[in-house]
Amino acid sequence: MGAEALKAGVSIVTAIIGLAILSVILSKNAKTLGLVQNLSTGLAQDIQAATSPVTNTNGFSTTQYSFASQ
């Protein structure tokens, strides 16, 4: 019975913590949307910077190379 009570207590505490986290994220005072937009913009810039040596684009060049078969 002691193990079951402990398991029930841990489940209740976990549910309370999860609800608190969810309420903070969805609060009207939270800037969740702005944070997600900033993170996605930063990630896109990181991916572009990482692939620029391969694609030769640095964000400005639109030159595309083609290889002619001989």
Protein backbone atom coordinates (compact mmCIF):
# COMPACT_ATOMS: atom_id res chain seq x y z
CA MET A 1 0.00 0.00 0.00
CA GLY A 2 2.90 2.38 0.67
CA ALA A 3 4.22 2.12 -2.89
CA GLU A 4 0.78 2.80 -4.35
CA ALA A 5 0.34 5.89 -2.17
CA LEU A 6 3.75 7.17 -3.18
CA LYS A 7 2.96 6.59 -6.84
CA ALA A 8 -0.36 8.44 -6.49
CA GLY A 9 1.36 11.32 -4.70
CA VAL A 10 4.02 11.63 -7.39
CA SER A 11 1.32 11.59 -10.09
CA ILE A 12 -0.60 14.40 -8.37
CA VAL A 13 2.53 16.53 -7.93
CA THR A 14 3.49 15.93 -11.58
CA ALA A 15 0.00 16.96 -12.73
CA ILE A 16 0.15 20.15 -10.66
CA ILE A 17 3.57 21.07 -12.06
CA GLY A 18 2.38 20.35 -15.62
CA LEU A 19 -0.69 22.54 -15.11
CA ALA A 20 1.48 25.35 -13.72
CA ILE A 21 3.82 25.17 -16.73
CA LEU A 22 0.88 25.16 -19.15
CA SER A 23 -0.76 28.15 -17.45
CA VAL A 24 2.48 30.15 -17.62
CA ILE A 25 2.95 29.35 -21.32
CA LEU A 26 -0.64 30.23 -22.24
CA SER A 27 -0.92 33.29 -20.01
CA LYS A 28 -1.95 36.59 -21.59
CA ASN A 29 1.21 38.13 -20.15
CA ALA A 30 3.42 35.49 -21.77
CA LYS A 31 5.20 36.42 -24.99
CA THR A 32 5.07 32.85 -26.30
CA LEU A 33 4.23 33.75 -29.90
CA GLY A 34 7.05 36.29 -30.13
CA LEU A 35 9.47 33.81 -28.60
CA VAL A 36 8.52 31.10 -31.10
CA GLN A 37 8.86 33.55 -34.01
CA ASN A 38 12.29 34.69 -32.83
CA LEU A 39 13.49 31.12 -32.36
CA SER A 40 12.28 30.06 -35.81
CA THR A 41 13.89 33.10 -37.46
CA GLY A 42 17.16 32.41 -35.67
CA LEU A 43 17.05 28.75 -36.66
CA ALA A 44 16.44 29.65 -40.32
CA GLN A 45 19.41 32.03 -40.26
CA ASP A 46 21.61 29.35 -38.65
CA ILE A 47 20.62 26.80 -41.31
CA GLN A 48 21.31 29.33 -44.08
CA ALA A 49 24.72 30.15 -42.60
CA ALA A 50 25.58 26.47 -42.24
CA THR A 51 24.64 25.62 -45.82
CA SER A 52 26.05 28.73 -47.51
CA PRO A 53 29.51 27.21 -48.19
CA VAL A 54 27.82 24.35 -50.04
CA THR A 55 25.08 26.30 -51.80
CA ASN A 56 27.22 29.42 -52.31
CA THR A 57 24.31 31.68 -51.38
CA ASN A 58 25.29 33.82 -48.31
CA GLY A 59 21.72 35.08 -48.51
CA PHE A 60 22.26 37.43 -51.46
CA SER A 61 23.48 35.47 -54.47
CA THR A 62 20.94 33.70 -56.65
CA THR A 63 23.44 32.16 -59.05
CA GLN A 64 22.70 28.56 -59.92
CA TYR A 65 25.31 26.35 -61.45
CA SER A 66 24.60 23.68 -64.03
CA PHE A 67 26.90 21.02 -65.33
CA ALA A 68 26.74 20.36 -69.04
CA SER A 69 27.10 16.77 -70.13
CA GLN A 70 29.64 16.19 -72.82
